[in-house]
Amino acid sequence: MNVPELKTAAEIAADLRGAAPDTDDDPRDAKAYTFDFSHTDPRGKVWSGKFTNRILTIRQRRLMKVTKAQMAEGVPMTALDADIWETNEMVAHLAVSLDAKAPGFPEWAKRLEDLYDEAIIVKLYSEVASHEARFHRRGPAAAASEDAAEDGGGTA
């Protein structure tokens, strides 16, 4: 799978894990959500840590978009292939929404763009997307519409 397919799979998994509101006491209903993360890469290395994701404010969403644009290093969006654009989007989002000062935040996560395995980013992003989908009560159609609007296509 390429990065856009992995990102889409991560977002679908997030939607299936809890975008629909119900009556249970889900920690993803809070603005801050702390979770344990563990991923074993193909070489057997375990990447783990404790992460706290914070729901982005409008100001923070703007910062995330500026960060994503800066990661393109001046190359127009239309000139980037989908893998680069999607990876930049996930890394920029995680860089802004994850609290690097929270207890248990791993050193390896301080510079996600320096990792070699994109699957780590995709899995981490999936957990964050699950929190945000649950918090905002978004389903798959609403999330897709919002993503298209943010990238200049469609309306939200």
C-alpha atoms as a PDB file:
ATOM      1  CA  MET A   1       0.000   0.000   0.000  1.00  0.00           C
ATOM      2  CA  ASN A   2       1.183   3.515  -0.717  1.00  0.00           C
ATOM      3  CA  VAL A   3       0.896   6.349   1.808  1.00  0.00           C
ATOM      4  CA  PRO A   4      -2.484   7.737   0.603  1.00  0.00           C
ATOM      5  CA  GLU A   5      -3.993   4.240   0.788  1.00  0.00           C
ATOM      6  CA  LEU A   6      -2.542   3.736   4.279  1.00  0.00           C
ATOM      7  CA  LYS A   7      -3.832   7.151   5.398  1.00  0.00           C
ATOM      8  CA  THR A   8      -7.300   6.381   4.026  1.00  0.00           C
ATOM      9  CA  ALA A   9      -7.265   2.994   5.764  1.00  0.00           C
ATOM     10  CA  ALA A  10      -6.203   4.698   9.006  1.00  0.00           C
ATOM     11  CA  GLU A  11      -9.050   7.223   8.746  1.00  0.00           C
ATOM     12  CA  ILE A  12     -11.607   4.505   7.982  1.00  0.00           C
ATOM     13  CA  ALA A  13     -10.359   2.516  10.971  1.00  0.00           C
ATOM     14  CA  ALA A  14     -10.676   5.642  13.109  1.00  0.00           C
ATOM     15  CA  ASP A  15     -14.257   6.149  11.954  1.00  0.00           C
ATOM     16  CA  LEU A  16     -15.115   2.535  12.718  1.00  0.00           C
ATOM     17  CA  ARG A  17     -13.520   2.813  16.194  1.00  0.00           C
ATOM     18  CA  GLY A  18     -15.793   5.474  17.475  1.00  0.00           C
ATOM     19  CA  ALA A  19     -16.953   8.432  15.437  1.00  0.00           C
ATOM     20  CA  ALA A  20     -20.579   7.606  16.192  1.00  0.00           C
ATOM     21  CA  PRO A  21     -21.731   9.066  19.495  1.00  0.00           C
ATOM     22  CA  ASP A  22     -23.021   6.727  22.121  1.00  0.00           C
ATOM     23  CA  THR A  23     -23.584   6.778  25.853  1.00  0.00           C
ATOM     24  CA  ASP A  24     -20.376   5.146  27.087  1.00  0.00           C
ATOM     25  CA  ASP A  25     -17.670   7.105  28.880  1.00  0.00           C
ATOM     26  CA  ASP A  26     -15.002   7.226  26.172  1.00  0.00           C
ATOM     27  CA  PRO A  27     -11.738   9.081  26.972  1.00  0.00           C
ATOM     28  CA  ARG A  28     -11.672  10.301  23.346  1.00  0.00           C
ATOM     29  CA  ASP A  29     -14.578  12.619  24.204  1.00  0.00           C
ATOM     30  CA  ALA A  30     -12.133  14.911  26.047  1.00  0.00           C
ATOM     31  CA  LYS A  31     -10.058  17.675  24.392  1.00  0.00           C
ATOM     32  CA  ALA A  32      -6.905  15.844  25.502  1.00  0.00           C
ATOM     33  CA  TYR A  33      -6.564  12.101  25.018  1.00  0.00           C
ATOM     34  CA  THR A  34      -3.607  10.091  26.336  1.00  0.00           C
ATOM     35  CA  PHE A  35      -2.825   6.690  24.862  1.00  0.00           C
ATOM     36  CA  ASP A  36      -0.089   4.081  24.868  1.00  0.00           C
ATOM     37  CA  PHE A  37       1.522   3.385  21.507  1.00  0.00           C
ATOM     38  CA  SER A  38       3.528   0.401  20.359  1.00  0.00           C
ATOM     39  CA  HIS A  39       4.637  -0.569  16.878  1.00  0.00           C
ATOM     40  CA  THR A  40       7.082  -3.266  15.837  1.00  0.00           C
ATOM     41  CA  ASP A  41       8.760  -2.483  12.527  1.00  0.00           C
ATOM     42  CA  PRO A  42       9.741  -5.150   9.944  1.00  0.00           C
ATOM     43  CA  ARG A  43      13.240  -5.379  11.474  1.00  0.00           C
ATOM     44  CA  GLY A  44      11.809  -6.209  14.906  1.00  0.00           C
ATOM     45  CA  LYS A  45      12.475  -2.817  16.543  1.00  0.00           C
ATOM     46  CA  VAL A  46       9.713  -1.749  18.915  1.00  0.00           C
ATOM     47  CA  TRP A  47       8.655   1.898  18.793  1.00  0.00           C
ATOM     48  CA  SER A  48       6.667   2.755  21.882  1.00  0.00           C
ATOM     49  CA  GLY A  49       5.663   5.597  24.127  1.00  0.00           C
ATOM     50  CA  LYS A  50       2.838   7.437  25.777  1.00  0.00           C
ATOM     51  CA  PHE A  51       1.210  10.204  23.739  1.00  0.00           C
ATOM     52  CA  THR A  52      -1.253  12.939  24.568  1.00  0.00           C
ATOM     53  CA  ASN A  53      -3.193  14.296  21.626  1.00  0.00           C
ATOM     54  CA  ARG A  54      -4.962  17.636  21.895  1.00  0.00           C
ATOM     55  CA  ILE A  55      -7.901  18.647  19.713  1.00  0.00           C
ATOM     56  CA  LEU A  56      -6.721  21.494  17.511  1.00  0.00           C
ATOM     57  CA  THR A  57      -8.133  24.986  17.820  1.00  0.00           C
ATOM     58  CA  ILE A  58      -8.663  27.063  14.684  1.00  0.00           C
ATOM     59  CA  ARG A  59      -5.321  28.799  15.338  1.00  0.00           C
ATOM     60  CA  GLN A  60      -3.560  25.442  15.718  1.00  0.00           C
ATOM     61  CA  ARG A  61      -5.185  24.112  12.520  1.00  0.00           C
ATOM     62  CA  ARG A  62      -3.772  27.139  10.691  1.00  0.00           C
ATOM     63  CA  LEU A  63      -0.353  26.421  12.214  1.00  0.00           C
ATOM     64  CA  MET A  64      -0.613  22.809  11.066  1.00  0.00           C
ATOM     65  CA  LYS A  65      -1.424  23.916   7.507  1.00  0.00           C
ATOM     66  CA  VAL A  66       1.493  26.371   7.490  1.00  0.00           C
ATOM     67  CA  THR A  67       3.791  23.620   8.788  1.00  0.00           C
ATOM     68  CA  LYS A  68       2.588  21.304   6.004  1.00  0.00           C
ATOM     69  CA  ALA A  69       3.247  24.020   3.403  1.00  0.00           C
ATOM     70  CA  GLN A  70       6.733  24.643   4.814  1.00  0.00           C
ATOM     71  CA  MET A  71       7.511  20.936   4.572  1.00  0.00           C
ATOM     72  CA  ALA A  72       6.899  21.184   0.795  1.00  0.00           C
ATOM     73  CA  GLU A  73       9.899  23.557   0.680  1.00  0.00           C
ATOM     74  CA  GLY A  74       8.325  25.882  -1.872  1.00  0.00           C
ATOM     75  CA  VAL A  75       7.174  23.155  -4.261  1.00  0.00           C
ATOM     76  CA  PRO A  76       3.544  23.732  -5.335  1.00  0.00           C
ATOM     77  CA  MET A  77       1.054  21.165  -4.069  1.00  0.00           C
ATOM     78  CA  THR A  78       0.206  20.166  -7.642  1.00  0.00           C
ATOM     79  CA  ALA A  79       3.860  19.258  -8.276  1.00  0.00           C
ATOM     80  CA  LEU A  80       4.121  16.882  -5.301  1.00  0.00           C
ATOM     81  CA  ASP A  81       3.142  13.261  -5.601  1.00  0.00           C
ATOM     82  CA  ALA A  82       0.328  12.032  -3.356  1.00  0.00           C
ATOM     83  CA  ASP A  83       2.673  10.054  -1.076  1.00  0.00           C
ATOM     84  CA  ILE A  84       4.712  13.151  -0.200  1.00  0.00           C
ATOM     85  CA  TRP A  85       1.633  15.333   0.309  1.00  0.00           C
ATOM     86  CA  GLU A  86      -0.112  12.775   2.548  1.00  0.00           C
ATOM     87  CA  THR A  87       3.016  12.069   4.587  1.00  0.00           C
ATOM     88  CA  ASN A  88       3.567  15.812   5.070  1.00  0.00           C
ATOM     89  CA  GLU A  89      -0.045  16.191   6.165  1.00  0.00           C
ATOM     90  CA  MET A  90       0.214  13.431   8.779  1.00  0.00           C
ATOM     91  CA  VAL A  91       3.606  14.593  10.112  1.00  0.00           C
ATOM     92  CA  ALA A  92       2.479  18.242  10.304  1.00  0.00           C
ATOM     93  CA  HIS A  93      -0.743  17.274  12.074  1.00  0.00           C
ATOM     94  CA  LEU A  94       1.071  15.097  14.614  1.00  0.00           C
ATOM     95  CA  ALA A  95       3.733  17.764  15.178  1.00  0.00           C
ATOM     96  CA  VAL A  96       1.052  20.255  16.209  1.00  0.00           C
ATOM     97  CA  SER A  97      -1.493  18.029  17.985  1.00  0.00           C
ATOM     98  CA  LEU A  98       0.786  15.765  20.065  1.00  0.00           C
ATOM     99  CA  ASP A  99       2.009  17.243  23.345  1.00  0.00           C
ATOM    100  CA  ALA A 100       5.789  16.732  23.337  1.00  0.00           C
ATOM    101  CA  LYS A 101       5.977  17.890  26.972  1.00  0.00           C
ATOM    102  CA  ALA A 102       3.567  15.257  28.284  1.00  0.00           C
ATOM    103  CA  PRO A 103       5.021  12.508  30.486  1.00  0.00           C
ATOM    104  CA  GLY A 104       6.165   9.472  28.539  1.00  0.00           C
ATOM    105  CA  PHE A 105       6.589  11.267  25.193  1.00  0.00           C
ATOM    106  CA  PRO A 106       9.386   9.322  23.462  1.00  0.00           C
ATOM    107  CA  GLU A 107      12.533  10.958  22.145  1.00  0.00           C
ATOM    108  CA  TRP A 108      12.120   9.239  18.749  1.00  0.00           C
ATOM    109  CA  ALA A 109       8.809  11.052  18.174  1.00  0.00           C
ATOM    110  CA  LYS A 110      10.290  14.543  18.445  1.00  0.00           C
ATOM    111  CA  ARG A 111      11.300  14.473  14.742  1.00  0.00           C
ATOM    112  CA  LEU A 112       8.878  12.177  12.951  1.00  0.00           C
ATOM    113  CA  GLU A 113      10.199  13.173   9.539  1.00  0.00           C
ATOM    114  CA  ASP A 114      13.529  11.549  10.449  1.00  0.00           C
ATOM    115  CA  LEU A 115      11.987   8.064  10.774  1.00  0.00           C
ATOM    116  CA  TYR A 116      12.502   5.412   8.082  1.00  0.00           C
ATOM    117  CA  ASP A 117       9.195   3.530   8.415  1.00  0.00           C
ATOM    118  CA  GLU A 118       6.079   5.458   7.344  1.00  0.00           C
ATOM    119  CA  ALA A 119       3.909   2.756   8.934  1.00  0.00           C
ATOM    120  CA  ILE A 120       4.824   4.219  12.350  1.00  0.00           C
ATOM    121  CA  ILE A 121       3.449   7.606  11.321  1.00  0.00           C
ATOM    122  CA  VAL A 122       0.329   6.052   9.793  1.00  0.00           C
ATOM    123  CA  LYS A 123      -0.419   4.027  12.952  1.00  0.00           C
ATOM    124  CA  LEU A 124       0.141   7.045  15.204  1.00  0.00           C
ATOM    125  CA  TYR A 125      -1.990   9.227  12.927  1.00  0.00           C
ATOM    126  CA  SER A 126      -4.741   6.598  13.015  1.00  0.00           C
ATOM    127  CA  GLU A 127      -4.982   6.889  16.799  1.00  0.00           C
ATOM    128  CA  VAL A 128      -5.075  10.691  16.589  1.00  0.00           C
ATOM    129  CA  ALA A 129      -7.706  10.562  13.813  1.00  0.00           C
ATOM    130  CA  SER A 130      -9.785   8.233  15.989  1.00  0.00           C
ATOM    131  CA  HIS A 131      -9.685  10.746  18.840  1.00  0.00           C
ATOM    132  CA  GLU A 132     -10.639  13.644  16.584  1.00  0.00           C
ATOM    133  CA  ALA A 133     -13.410  11.724  14.802  1.00  0.00           C
ATOM    134  CA  ARG A 134     -14.902  10.744  18.149  1.00  0.00           C
ATOM    135  CA  PHE A 135     -14.549  14.234  19.661  1.00  0.00           C
ATOM    136  CA  HIS A 136     -16.112  15.989  16.657  1.00  0.00           C
ATOM    137  CA  ARG A 137     -18.675  13.206  16.035  1.00  0.00           C
ATOM    138  CA  ARG A 138     -17.578  12.910  12.425  1.00  0.00           C
ATOM    139  CA  GLY A 139     -18.409  10.028  10.161  1.00  0.00           C
ATOM    140  CA  PRO A 140     -16.505   8.988   7.021  1.00  0.00           C
ATOM    141  CA  ALA A 141     -18.409  11.313   4.639  1.00  0.00           C
ATOM    142  CA  ALA A 142     -17.938  14.397   6.819  1.00  0.00           C
ATOM    143  CA  ALA A 143     -14.220  13.737   7.301  1.00  0.00           C
ATOM    144  CA  ALA A 144     -13.668  13.240   3.547  1.00  0.00           C
ATOM    145  CA  SER A 145     -15.566  16.433   2.744  1.00  0.00           C
ATOM    146  CA  GLU A 146     -13.535  18.395   5.296  1.00  0.00           C
ATOM    147  CA  ASP A 147     -10.228  17.059   3.926  1.00  0.00           C
ATOM    148  CA  ALA A 148     -11.209  18.007   0.366  1.00  0.00           C
ATOM    149  CA  ALA A 149     -12.181  21.523   1.481  1.00  0.00           C
ATOM    150  CA  GLU A 150      -8.891  21.979   3.364  1.00  0.00           C
ATOM    151  CA  ASP A 151      -6.886  21.029   0.259  1.00  0.00           C
ATOM    152  CA  GLY A 152      -8.790  23.452  -1.961  1.00  0.00           C
ATOM    153  CA  GLY A 153     -11.277  21.023  -3.474  1.00  0.00           C
ATOM    154  CA  GLY A 154     -14.914  20.527  -2.631  1.00  0.00           C
ATOM    155  CA  THR A 155     -16.818  22.350   0.063  1.00  0.00           C
ATOM    156  CA  ALA A 156     -17.434  21.700   3.699  1.00  0.00           C
END
